Protein backbone atom coordinates (compact mmCIF):
# COMPACT_ATOMS: atom_id res chain seq x y z
CA MET A 1 0.00 0.00 0.00
CA ALA A 2 2.80 2.47 0.75
CA SER A 3 4.00 2.27 -2.85
CA CYS A 4 1.01 4.34 -4.01
CA PRO A 5 1.43 8.05 -3.21
CA CYS A 6 -2.33 8.42 -2.67
CA SER A 7 -2.45 5.61 -0.11
CA ALA A 8 0.66 6.91 1.64
CA ALA A 9 -0.88 10.37 1.99
CA ALA A 10 -4.23 9.05 3.15
CA ALA A 11 -2.56 6.81 5.72
CA GLN A 12 -1.19 9.92 7.46
CA GLY A 13 -4.64 11.22 8.39
CA ARG A 14 -8.31 10.63 8.98
CA ALA A 15 -9.03 9.63 5.38
CA SER A 16 -7.73 6.10 5.93
CA SER A 17 -8.36 5.71 9.65
CA GLY A 18 -12.14 5.47 9.30
CA ARG A 19 -12.79 8.44 11.61
CA TYR A 20 -15.41 9.95 9.36
CA GLY A 21 -19.03 9.11 8.76
CA GLU A 22 -22.37 10.16 7.38
CA GLY A 23 -22.42 13.79 6.30
CA ASP A 24 -18.61 14.14 6.19
CA THR A 25 -16.87 15.27 3.02
CA VAL A 26 -13.67 13.55 1.89
CA ARG A 27 -11.81 15.46 -0.81
CA CYS A 28 -8.77 14.61 -2.91
CA GLU A 29 -7.02 17.44 -4.76
CA LEU A 30 -4.62 16.46 -7.51
CA ASP A 31 -2.40 19.35 -8.61
CA PHE A 32 -0.61 18.42 -11.83
CA ASP A 33 1.35 21.70 -11.90
CA ALA A 34 2.73 21.18 -8.39
CA ALA A 35 2.98 17.37 -8.88
CA SER A 36 1.19 16.71 -5.59
CA VAL A 37 -1.97 15.13 -4.19
CA THR A 38 -3.69 16.45 -1.04
CA PHE A 39 -6.45 14.89 1.06
CA LEU A 40 -9.01 16.84 3.12
CA VAL A 41 -11.82 15.73 5.45
CA ASN A 42 -14.49 18.37 6.05
CA GLY A 43 -12.12 21.01 4.71
CA THR A 44 -9.22 20.08 7.02
CA ARG A 45 -6.03 18.89 5.37
CA VAL A 46 -5.17 15.39 6.57
CA GLY A 47 -2.25 14.45 4.32
CA SER A 48 -0.39 15.02 1.09
CA ALA A 49 2.19 13.31 -1.09
CA PRO A 50 4.15 13.85 -4.30
CA TRP A 51 2.36 12.85 -7.53
CA PRO A 52 5.00 11.18 -9.74
CA HIS A 53 2.71 10.32 -12.66
CA GLY A 54 2.79 13.60 -14.58
CA ALA A 55 -0.59 14.61 -16.02
CA ARG A 56 -2.02 11.09 -15.74
CA ALA A 57 -4.59 9.95 -13.18
CA TRP A 58 -6.76 6.88 -12.65
CA PRO A 59 -9.61 7.94 -10.33
CA ALA A 60 -11.47 5.25 -8.36
CA ILE A 61 -13.84 5.21 -5.39
CA SER A 62 -14.40 2.41 -2.90
CA SER A 63 -17.17 2.22 -0.32
CA GLU A 64 -18.69 -0.31 2.06
CA GLY A 65 -22.43 0.30 1.94
CA GLY A 66 -24.30 3.52 2.42
CA GLU A 67 -24.88 6.34 0.00
CA VAL A 68 -21.88 7.71 -1.87
CA VAL A 69 -22.06 11.04 -3.66
CA CYS A 70 -19.19 11.81 -6.00
CA GLU A 71 -18.48 15.18 -7.55
CA VAL A 72 -15.60 15.67 -9.98
CA ASN A 73 -14.27 19.14 -10.77
CA VAL A 74 -11.58 19.70 -13.37
CA PHE A 75 -9.81 23.04 -13.36
């Protein structure tokens, strides 16, 4: 798991620890110009990591039950 920059960043904070629930917002910001990925929970930064893949990304979402709402913004 640590080989993926996204997983490594999420492991540093709430995004991977399961300390969020219904009504919380989990956000992932991928900045191609800065070559970094940042994770936020309810607007609070919980981790970041370098993004070594240039302008390529493979988005995916995983959930165990419940309603999942996904919004994608490209800037």
